[in-house]
Amino acid sequence: EFINENKFKFTKSTFNSTTTLYDIVVPKSTSDDSSS
């Protein structure tokens, strides 16, 4: 839900037999300036 509601790009992978990883790309805030 977090990924879908924010429309984030992500990759899913297996960490071990009991754990899955979600690597999520967080963009700059739309209010950010060039110095952020």
PDB file of all heavy atoms in Angstrom:
ATOM      1  N   GLU A   1       0.830  -1.208   0.000  1.00  0.00           N
ATOM      2  CA  GLU A   1       0.000   0.000   0.000  1.00  0.00           C
ATOM      3  C   GLU A   1       0.863   1.256   0.000  1.00  0.00           C
ATOM      4  O   GLU A   1       0.554   2.242  -0.689  1.00  0.00           O
ATOM      5  CB  GLU A   1      -0.931  -0.012   1.213  1.00  0.00           C
ATOM      6  CG  GLU A   1      -2.035  -1.057   1.119  1.00  0.00           C
ATOM      7  CD  GLU A   1      -2.915  -1.100   2.344  1.00  0.00           C
ATOM      8  OE1 GLU A   1      -2.530  -0.532   3.393  1.00  0.00           O
ATOM      9  OE2 GLU A   1      -3.992  -1.718   2.279  1.00  0.00           O
ATOM     10  N   PHE A   2       1.930   1.240   0.766  1.00  0.00           N
ATOM     11  CA  PHE A   2       2.858   2.377   0.814  1.00  0.00           C
ATOM     12  C   PHE A   2       3.437   2.650  -0.580  1.00  0.00           C
ATOM     13  O   PHE A   2       3.495   3.801  -1.025  1.00  0.00           O
ATOM     14  CB  PHE A   2       3.975   2.065   1.807  1.00  0.00           C
ATOM     15  CG  PHE A   2       5.096   3.062   1.828  1.00  0.00           C
ATOM     16  CD1 PHE A   2       4.954   4.285   2.458  1.00  0.00           C
ATOM     17  CD2 PHE A   2       6.316   2.771   1.230  1.00  0.00           C
ATOM     18  CE1 PHE A   2       5.999   5.203   2.499  1.00  0.00           C
ATOM     19  CE2 PHE A   2       7.359   3.678   1.253  1.00  0.00           C
ATOM     20  CZ  PHE A   2       7.199   4.894   1.889  1.00  0.00           C
ATOM     21  N   ILE A   3       3.840   1.603  -1.261  1.00  0.00           N
ATOM     22  CA  ILE A   3       4.415   1.746  -2.607  1.00  0.00           C
ATOM     23  C   ILE A   3       3.366   2.256  -3.589  1.00  0.00           C
ATOM     24  O   ILE A   3       3.605   3.210  -4.345  1.00  0.00           O
ATOM     25  CB  ILE A   3       4.991   0.397  -3.079  1.00  0.00           C
ATOM     26  CG1 ILE A   3       6.217   0.025  -2.231  1.00  0.00           C
ATOM     27  CG2 ILE A   3       5.355   0.447  -4.559  1.00  0.00           C
ATOM     28  CD1 ILE A   3       6.706  -1.400  -2.449  1.00  0.00           C
ATOM     29  N   ASN A   4       2.194   1.647  -3.569  1.00  0.00           N
ATOM     30  CA  ASN A   4       1.145   2.003  -4.540  1.00  0.00           C
ATOM     31  C   ASN A   4       0.581   3.405  -4.300  1.00  0.00           C
ATOM     32  O   ASN A   4       0.345   4.160  -5.252  1.00  0.00           O
ATOM     33  CB  ASN A   4       0.025   0.966  -4.497  1.00  0.00           C
ATOM     34  CG  ASN A   4       0.473  -0.394  -5.009  1.00  0.00           C
ATOM     35  OD1 ASN A   4       1.370  -0.481  -5.845  1.00  0.00           O
ATOM     36  ND2 ASN A   4      -0.142  -1.460  -4.513  1.00  0.00           N
ATOM     37  N   GLU A   5       0.352   3.756  -3.050  1.00  0.00           N
ATOM     38  CA  GLU A   5      -0.228   5.065  -2.737  1.00  0.00           C
ATOM     39  C   GLU A   5       0.712   6.209  -3.105  1.00  0.00           C
ATOM     40  O   GLU A   5       0.265   7.305  -3.440  1.00  0.00           O
ATOM     41  CB  GLU A   5      -0.587   5.132  -1.252  1.00  0.00           C
ATOM     42  CG  GLU A   5      -1.789   4.266  -0.896  1.00  0.00           C
ATOM     43  CD  GLU A   5      -2.018   4.160   0.602  1.00  0.00           C
ATOM     44  OE1 GLU A   5      -1.320   4.878   1.370  1.00  0.00           O
ATOM     45  OE2 GLU A   5      -2.889   3.371   1.022  1.00  0.00           O
ATOM     46  N   ASN A   6       2.009   5.943  -3.054  1.00  0.00           N
ATOM     47  CA  ASN A   6       2.989   6.981  -3.386  1.00  0.00           C
ATOM     48  C   ASN A   6       3.557   6.835  -4.798  1.00  0.00           C
ATOM     49  O   ASN A   6       4.387   7.646  -5.209  1.00  0.00           O
ATOM     50  CB  ASN A   6       4.125   6.960  -2.363  1.00  0.00           C
ATOM     51  CG  ASN A   6       3.669   7.381  -0.983  1.00  0.00           C
ATOM     52  OD1 ASN A   6       3.443   8.563  -0.734  1.00  0.00           O
ATOM     53  ND2 ASN A   6       3.505   6.424  -0.083  1.00  0.00           N
ATOM     54  N   LYS A   7       3.093   5.789  -5.505  1.00  0.00           N
ATOM     55  CA  LYS A   7       3.517   5.551  -6.894  1.00  0.00           C
ATOM     56  C   LYS A   7       5.043   5.473  -7.005  1.00  0.00           C
ATOM     57  O   LYS A   7       5.656   6.047  -7.916  1.00  0.00           O
ATOM     58  CB  LYS A   7       2.953   6.628  -7.831  1.00  0.00           C
ATOM     59  CG  LYS A   7       1.427   6.665  -7.879  1.00  0.00           C
ATOM     60  CD  LYS A   7       0.908   7.748  -8.805  1.00  0.00           C
ATOM     61  CE  LYS A   7      -0.585   7.658  -9.014  1.00  0.00           C
ATOM     62  NZ  LYS A   7      -1.368   7.771  -7.758  1.00  0.00           N
ATOM     63  N   PHE A   8       5.657   4.735  -6.086  1.00  0.00           N
ATOM     64  CA  PHE A   8       7.100   4.602  -6.068  1.00  0.00           C
ATOM     65  C   PHE A   8       7.565   3.452  -6.963  1.00  0.00           C
ATOM     66  O   PHE A   8       6.889   2.411  -7.058  1.00  0.00           O
ATOM     67  CB  PHE A   8       7.608   4.339  -4.647  1.00  0.00           C
ATOM     68  CG  PHE A   8       7.568   5.531  -3.746  1.00  0.00           C
ATOM     69  CD1 PHE A   8       7.411   5.367  -2.373  1.00  0.00           C
ATOM     70  CD2 PHE A   8       7.716   6.816  -4.244  1.00  0.00           C
ATOM     71  CE1 PHE A   8       7.398   6.463  -1.529  1.00  0.00           C
ATOM     72  CE2 PHE A   8       7.696   7.922  -3.404  1.00  0.00           C
ATOM     73  CZ  PHE A   8       7.534   7.744  -2.045  1.00  0.00           C
ATOM     74  N   LYS A   9       8.716   3.608  -7.565  1.00  0.00           N
ATOM     75  CA  LYS A   9       9.374   2.504  -8.253  1.00  0.00           C
ATOM     76  C   LYS A   9      10.102   1.664  -7.207  1.00  0.00           C
ATOM     77  O   LYS A   9      10.606   2.197  -6.215  1.00  0.00           O
ATOM     78  CB  LYS A   9      10.372   3.041  -9.287  1.00  0.00           C
ATOM     79  CG  LYS A   9       9.734   3.819 -10.424  1.00  0.00           C
ATOM     80  CD  LYS A   9      10.791   4.336 -11.386  1.00  0.00           C
ATOM     81  CE  LYS A   9      10.156   5.120 -12.533  1.00  0.00           C
ATOM     82  NZ  LYS A   9      11.186   5.656 -13.469  1.00  0.00           N
ATOM     83  N   PHE A  10      10.161   0.354  -7.457  1.00  0.00           N
ATOM     84  CA  PHE A  10      10.804  -0.511  -6.467  1.00  0.00           C
ATOM     85  C   PHE A  10      11.286  -1.797  -7.121  1.00  0.00           C
ATOM     86  O   PHE A  10      10.866  -2.149  -8.238  1.00  0.00           O
ATOM     87  CB  PHE A  10       9.828  -0.858  -5.339  1.00  0.00           C
ATOM     88  CG  PHE A  10       8.742  -1.828  -5.730  1.00  0.00           C
ATOM     89  CD1 PHE A  10       8.848  -3.171  -5.421  1.00  0.00           C
ATOM     90  CD2 PHE A  10       7.625  -1.389  -6.435  1.00  0.00           C
ATOM     91  CE1 PHE A  10       7.853  -4.073  -5.788  1.00  0.00           C
ATOM     92  CE2 PHE A  10       6.620  -2.277  -6.800  1.00  0.00           C
ATOM     93  CZ  PHE A  10       6.742  -3.621  -6.475  1.00  0.00           C
ATOM     94  N   THR A  11      12.160  -2.480  -6.425  1.00  0.00           N
ATOM     95  CA  THR A  11      12.559  -3.828  -6.809  1.00  0.00           C
ATOM     96  C   THR A  11      12.350  -4.742  -5.599  1.00  0.00           C
ATOM     97  O   THR A  11      12.552  -4.320  -4.453  1.00  0.00           O
ATOM     98  CB  THR A  11      14.028  -3.894  -7.254  1.00  0.00           C
ATOM     99  OG1 THR A  11      14.869  -3.402  -6.195  1.00  0.00           O
ATOM    100  CG2 THR A  11      14.248  -3.072  -8.517  1.00  0.00           C
ATOM    101  N   LYS A  12      11.948  -5.960  -5.870  1.00  0.00           N
ATOM    102  CA  LYS A  12      11.686  -6.946  -4.834  1.00  0.00           C
ATOM    103  C   LYS A  12      12.665  -8.096  -5.003  1.00  0.00           C
ATOM    104  O   LYS A  12      12.883  -8.571  -6.111  1.00  0.00           O
ATOM    105  CB  LYS A  12      10.242  -7.439  -4.939  1.00  0.00           C
ATOM    106  CG  LYS A  12       9.839  -8.485  -3.906  1.00  0.00           C
ATOM    107  CD  LYS A  12       8.381  -8.898  -4.117  1.00  0.00           C
ATOM    108  CE  LYS A  12       7.958  -9.981  -3.131  1.00  0.00           C
ATOM    109  NZ  LYS A  12       6.540 -10.386  -3.319  1.00  0.00           N
ATOM    110  N   SER A  13      13.265  -8.531  -3.901  1.00  0.00           N
ATOM    111  CA  SER A  13      14.226  -9.624  -3.978  1.00  0.00           C
ATOM    112  C   SER A  13      14.152 -10.461  -2.704  1.00  0.00           C
ATOM    113  O   SER A  13      13.579 -10.041  -1.693  1.00  0.00           O
ATOM    114  CB  SER A  13      15.648  -9.089  -4.176  1.00  0.00           C
ATOM    115  OG  SER A  13      16.020  -8.230  -3.112  1.00  0.00           O
ATOM    116  N   THR A  14      14.746 -11.626  -2.755  1.00  0.00           N
ATOM    117  CA  THR A  14      14.778 -12.522  -1.598  1.00  0.00           C
ATOM    118  C   THR A  14      16.055 -12.287  -0.813  1.00  0.00           C
ATOM    119  O   THR A  14      17.153 -12.342  -1.359  1.00  0.00           O
ATOM    120  CB  THR A  14      14.719 -13.990  -2.043  1.00  0.00           C
ATOM    121  OG1 THR A  14      13.491 -14.212  -2.764  1.00  0.00           O
ATOM    122  CG2 THR A  14      14.783 -14.930  -0.851  1.00  0.00           C
ATOM    123  N   PHE A  15      15.901 -12.001   0.481  1.00  0.00           N
ATOM    124  CA  PHE A  15      17.056 -11.788   1.356  1.00  0.00           C
ATOM    125  C   PHE A  15      17.529 -13.111   1.944  1.00  0.00           C
ATOM    126  O   PHE A  15      18.706 -13.438   1.909  1.00  0.00           O
ATOM    127  CB  PHE A  15      16.701 -10.804   2.453  1.00  0.00           C
ATOM    128  CG  PHE A  15      17.830 -10.484   3.382  1.00  0.00           C
ATOM    129  CD1 PHE A  15      18.916  -9.753   2.936  1.00  0.00           C
ATOM    130  CD2 PHE A  15      17.803 -10.914   4.697  1.00  0.00           C
ATOM    131  CE1 PHE A  15      19.965  -9.457   3.794  1.00  0.00           C
ATOM    132  CE2 PHE A  15      18.837 -10.616   5.566  1.00  0.00           C
ATOM    133  CZ  PHE A  15      19.920  -9.890   5.111  1.00  0.00           C
ATOM    134  N   ASN A  16      16.604 -13.870   2.486  1.00  0.00           N
ATOM    135  CA  ASN A  16      16.882 -15.229   2.952  1.00  0.00           C
ATOM    136  C   ASN A  16      15.572 -16.015   2.924  1.00  0.00           C
ATOM    137  O   ASN A  16      14.579 -15.547   2.361  1.00  0.00           O
ATOM    138  CB  ASN A  16      17.547 -15.236   4.339  1.00  0.00           C
ATOM    139  CG  ASN A  16      16.714 -14.539   5.398  1.00  0.00           C
ATOM    140  OD1 ASN A  16      15.481 -14.564   5.349  1.00  0.00           O
ATOM    141  ND2 ASN A  16      17.373 -13.909   6.368  1.00  0.00           N
ATOM    142  N   SER A  17      15.559 -17.176   3.530  1.00  0.00           N
ATOM    143  CA  SER A  17      14.386 -18.046   3.427  1.00  0.00           C
ATOM    144  C   SER A  17      13.139 -17.473   4.086  1.00  0.00           C
ATOM    145  O   SER A  17      12.019 -17.901   3.788  1.00  0.00           O
ATOM    146  CB  SER A  17      14.698 -19.418   4.038  1.00  0.00           C
ATOM    147  OG  SER A  17      15.047 -19.283   5.412  1.00  0.00           O
ATOM    148  N   THR A  18      13.300 -16.498   4.980  1.00  0.00           N
ATOM    149  CA  THR A  18      12.149 -15.951   5.703  1.00  0.00           C
ATOM    150  C   THR A  18      11.929 -14.454   5.462  1.00  0.00           C
ATOM    151  O   THR A  18      10.969 -13.893   5.984  1.00  0.00           O
ATOM    152  CB  THR A  18      12.312 -16.177   7.219  1.00  0.00           C
ATOM    153  OG1 THR A  18      13.503 -15.506   7.677  1.00  0.00           O
ATOM    154  CG2 THR A  18      12.408 -17.663   7.550  1.00  0.00           C
ATOM    155  N   THR A  19      12.803 -13.825   4.701  1.00  0.00           N
ATOM    156  CA  THR A  19      12.744 -12.368   4.562  1.00  0.00           C
ATOM    157  C   THR A  19      12.828 -11.940   3.103  1.00  0.00           C
ATOM    158  O   THR A  19      13.672 -12.426   2.351  1.00  0.00           O
ATOM    159  CB  THR A  19      13.892 -11.693   5.342  1.00  0.00           C
ATOM    160  OG1 THR A  19      13.851 -12.140   6.698  1.00  0.00           O
ATOM    161  CG2 THR A  19      13.765 -10.174   5.292  1.00  0.00           C
ATOM    162  N   THR A  20      11.941 -11.005   2.727  1.00  0.00           N
ATOM    163  CA  THR A  20      11.940 -10.412   1.395  1.00  0.00           C
ATOM    164  C   THR A  20      12.336  -8.950   1.495  1.00  0.00           C
ATOM    165  O   THR A  20      11.973  -8.266   2.454  1.00  0.00           O
ATOM    166  CB  THR A  20      10.539 -10.520   0.758  1.00  0.00           C
ATOM    167  OG1 THR A  20      10.151 -11.900   0.717  1.00  0.00           O
ATOM    168  CG2 THR A  20      10.530  -9.956  -0.657  1.00  0.00           C
ATOM    169  N   LEU A  21      13.080  -8.475   0.504  1.00  0.00           N
ATOM    170  CA  LEU A  21      13.523  -7.084   0.488  1.00  0.00           C
ATOM    171  C   LEU A  21      12.725  -6.277  -0.514  1.00  0.00           C
ATOM    172  O   LEU A  21      12.462  -6.729  -1.630  1.00  0.00           O
ATOM    173  CB  LEU A  21      15.005  -6.983   0.101  1.00  0.00           C
ATOM    174  CG  LEU A  21      16.038  -7.531   1.061  1.00  0.00           C
ATOM    175  CD1 LEU A  21      17.436  -7.285   0.500  1.00  0.00           C
ATOM    176  CD2 LEU A  21      15.900  -6.893   2.432  1.00  0.00           C
ATOM    177  N   TYR A  22      12.368  -5.074  -0.125  1.00  0.00           N
ATOM    178  CA  TYR A  22      11.793  -4.086  -1.037  1.00  0.00           C
ATOM    179  C   TYR A  22      12.735  -2.877  -1.054  1.00  0.00           C
ATOM    180  O   TYR A  22      12.883  -2.184  -0.046  1.00  0.00           O
ATOM    181  CB  TYR A  22      10.403  -3.648  -0.565  1.00  0.00           C
ATOM    182  CG  TYR A  22       9.332  -4.675  -0.805  1.00  0.00           C
ATOM    183  CD1 TYR A  22       9.100  -5.696   0.114  1.00  0.00           C
ATOM    184  CD2 TYR A  22       8.549  -4.639  -1.955  1.00  0.00           C
ATOM    185  CE1 TYR A  22       8.115  -6.650  -0.105  1.00  0.00           C
ATOM    186  CE2 TYR A  22       7.557  -5.580  -2.182  1.00  0.00           C
ATOM    187  CZ  TYR A  22       7.356  -6.581  -1.258  1.00  0.00           C
ATOM    188  OH  TYR A  22       6.379  -7.530  -1.491  1.00  0.00           O
ATOM    189  N   ASP A  23      13.389  -2.665  -2.184  1.00  0.00           N
ATOM    190  CA  ASP A  23      14.225  -1.485  -2.367  1.00  0.00           C
ATOM    191  C   ASP A  23      13.419  -0.456  -3.147  1.00  0.00           C
ATOM    192  O   ASP A  23      13.049  -0.687  -4.302  1.00  0.00           O
ATOM    193  CB  ASP A  23      15.510  -1.844  -3.103  1.00  0.00           C
ATOM    194  CG  ASP A  23      16.472  -2.622  -2.218  1.00  0.00           C
ATOM    195  OD1 ASP A  23      16.924  -2.053  -1.218  1.00  0.00           O
ATOM    196  OD2 ASP A  23      16.760  -3.796  -2.522  1.00  0.00           O
ATOM    197  N   ILE A  24      13.151   0.671  -2.511  1.00  0.00           N
ATOM    198  CA  ILE A  24      12.192   1.654  -3.013  1.00  0.00           C
ATOM    199  C   ILE A  24      12.914   2.951  -3.371  1.00  0.00           C
ATOM    200  O   ILE A  24      13.772   3.424  -2.617  1.00  0.00           O
ATOM    201  CB  ILE A  24      11.095   1.914  -1.955  1.00  0.00           C
ATOM    202  CG1 ILE A  24      10.366   0.598  -1.644  1.00  0.00           C
ATOM    203  CG2 ILE A  24      10.115   2.977  -2.436  1.00  0.00           C
ATOM    204  CD1 ILE A  24       9.471   0.664  -0.417  1.00  0.00           C
ATOM    205  N   VAL A  25      12.564   3.503  -4.522  1.00  0.00           N
ATOM    206  CA  VAL A  25      13.164   4.756  -4.977  1.00  0.00           C
ATOM    207  C   VAL A  25      12.286   5.919  -4.521  1.00  0.00           C
ATOM    208  O   VAL A  25      11.139   6.053  -4.966  1.00  0.00           O
ATOM    209  CB  VAL A  25      13.314   4.778  -6.507  1.00  0.00           C
ATOM    210  CG1 VAL A  25      13.923   6.105  -6.969  1.00  0.00           C
ATOM    211  CG2 VAL A  25      14.171   3.604  -6.979  1.00  0.00           C
ATOM    212  N   VAL A  26      12.813   6.751  -3.644  1.00  0.00           N
ATOM    213  CA  VAL A  26      12.097   7.926  -3.160  1.00  0.00           C
ATOM    214  C   VAL A  26      12.593   9.142  -3.943  1.00  0.00           C
ATOM    215  O   VAL A  26      13.779   9.462  -3.897  1.00  0.00           O
ATOM    216  CB  VAL A  26      12.317   8.145  -1.652  1.00  0.00           C
ATOM    217  CG1 VAL A  26      11.617   9.423  -1.184  1.00  0.00           C
ATOM    218  CG2 VAL A  26      11.804   6.942  -0.863  1.00  0.00           C
ATOM    219  N   PRO A  27      11.709   9.850  -4.651  1.00  0.00           N
ATOM    220  CA  PRO A  27      12.137  11.027  -5.417  1.00  0.00           C
ATOM    221  C   PRO A  27      12.324  12.239  -4.535  1.00  0.00           C
ATOM    222  O   PRO A  27      11.913  12.251  -3.360  1.00  0.00           O
ATOM    223  CB  PRO A  27      10.978  11.230  -6.389  1.00  0.00           C
ATOM    224  CG  PRO A  27       9.784  10.747  -5.615  1.00  0.00           C
ATOM    225  CD  PRO A  27      10.272   9.579  -4.794  1.00  0.00           C
ATOM    226  N   LYS A  28      12.925  13.279  -5.094  1.00  0.00           N
ATOM    227  CA  LYS A  28      13.003  14.552  -4.385  1.00  0.00           C
ATOM    228  C   LYS A  28      11.599  15.096  -4.164  1.00  0.00           C
ATOM    229  O   LYS A  28      10.692  14.865  -4.961  1.00  0.00           O
ATOM    230  CB  LYS A  28      13.816  15.564  -5.194  1.00  0.00           C
ATOM    231  CG  LYS A  28      15.316  15.491  -4.982  1.00  0.00           C
ATOM    232  CD  LYS A  28      15.985  16.719  -5.560  1.00  0.00           C
ATOM    233  CE  LYS A  28      17.457  16.758  -5.218  1.00  0.00           C
ATOM    234  NZ  LYS A  28      18.092  18.030  -5.645  1.00  0.00           N
ATOM    235  N   SER A  29      11.439  15.848  -3.094  1.00  0.00           N
ATOM    236  CA  SER A  29      10.172  16.516  -2.864  1.00  0.00           C
ATOM    237  C   SER A  29       9.920  17.544  -3.959  1.00  0.00           C
ATOM    238  O   SER A  29      10.857  18.174  -4.464  1.00  0.00           O
ATOM    239  CB  SER A  29      10.195  17.207  -1.500  1.00  0.00           C
ATOM    240  OG  SER A  29       9.079  18.050  -1.343  1.00  0.00           O
ATOM    241  N   THR A  30       8.666  17.717  -4.328  1.00  0.00           N
ATOM    242  CA  THR A  30       8.329  18.695  -5.371  1.00  0.00           C
ATOM    243  C   THR A  30       8.626  20.121  -4.923  1.00  0.00           C
ATOM    244  O   THR A  30       8.738  21.019  -5.755  1.00  0.00           O
ATOM    245  CB  THR A  30       6.836  18.588  -5.736  1.00  0.00           C
ATOM    246  OG1 THR A  30       6.046  18.736  -4.536  1.00  0.00           O
ATOM    247  CG2 THR A  30       6.537  17.252  -6.382  1.00  0.00           C
ATOM    248  N   SER A  31       8.781  20.320  -3.619  1.00  0.00           N
ATOM    249  CA  SER A  31       9.081  21.658  -3.115  1.00  0.00           C
ATOM    250  C   SER A  31      10.575  21.882  -2.935  1.00  0.00           C
ATOM    251  O   SER A  31      10.999  22.952  -2.511  1.00  0.00           O
ATOM    252  CB  SER A  31       8.374  21.887  -1.768  1.00  0.00           C
ATOM    253  OG  SER A  31       8.826  20.959  -0.807  1.00  0.00           O
ATOM    254  N   ASP A  32      11.381  20.850  -3.255  1.00  0.00           N
ATOM    255  CA  ASP A  32      12.823  20.973  -3.071  1.00  0.00           C
ATOM    256  C   ASP A  32      13.426  22.002  -4.012  1.00  0.00           C
ATOM    257  O   ASP A  32      12.982  22.168  -5.142  1.00  0.00           O
ATOM    258  CB  ASP A  32      13.516  19.626  -3.316  1.00  0.00           C
ATOM    259  CG  ASP A  32      13.370  18.688  -2.135  1.00  0.00           C
ATOM    260  OD1 ASP A  32      13.014  19.185  -1.059  1.00  0.00           O
ATOM    261  OD2 ASP A  32      13.604  17.483  -2.300  1.00  0.00           O
ATOM    262  N   ASP A  33      14.454  22.679  -3.541  1.00  0.00           N
ATOM    263  CA  ASP A  33      15.214  23.551  -4.432  1.00  0.00           C
ATOM    264  C   ASP A  33      16.516  22.840  -4.817  1.00  0.00           C
ATOM    265  O   ASP A  33      16.785  21.719  -4.396  1.00  0.00           O
ATOM    266  CB  ASP A  33      15.493  24.916  -3.792  1.00  0.00           C
ATOM    267  CG  ASP A  33      16.227  24.799  -2.459  1.00  0.00           C
ATOM    268  OD1 ASP A  33      17.075  23.901  -2.331  1.00  0.00           O
ATOM    269  OD2 ASP A  33      15.952  25.609  -1.560  1.00  0.00           O
ATOM    270  N   SER A  34      17.337  23.505  -5.617  1.00  0.00           N
ATOM    271  CA  SER A  34      18.535  22.869  -6.143  1.00  0.00           C
ATOM    272  C   SER A  34      19.562  22.537  -5.076  1.00  0.00           C
ATOM    273  O   SER A  34      20.449  21.719  -5.289  1.00  0.00           O
ATOM    274  CB  SER A  34      19.175  23.776  -7.197  1.00  0.00           C
ATOM    275  OG  SER A  34      19.505  25.041  -6.622  1.00  0.00           O
ATOM    276  N   SER A  35      19.444  23.169  -3.904  1.00  0.00           N
ATOM    277  CA  SER A  35      20.416  22.935  -2.839  1.00  0.00           C
ATOM    278  C   SER A  35      20.027  21.775  -1.922  1.00  0.00           C
ATOM    279  O   SER A  35      20.791  21.412  -1.026  1.00  0.00           O
ATOM    280  CB  SER A  35      20.581  24.205  -1.999  1.00  0.00           C
ATOM    281  OG  SER A  35      19.367  24.534  -1.335  1.00  0.00           O
ATOM    282  N   SER A  36      18.857  21.201  -2.113  1.00  0.00           N
ATOM    283  CA  SER A  36      18.404  20.119  -1.246  1.00  0.00           C
ATOM    284  C   SER A  36      19.195  18.846  -1.536  1.00  0.00           C
ATOM    285  O   SER A  36      19.663  18.629  -2.651  1.00  0.00           O
ATOM    286  CB  SER A  36      16.915  19.867  -1.434  1.00  0.00           C
ATOM    287  OG  SER A  36      16.655  19.480  -2.762  1.00  0.00           O
TER     288      SER A  36
END
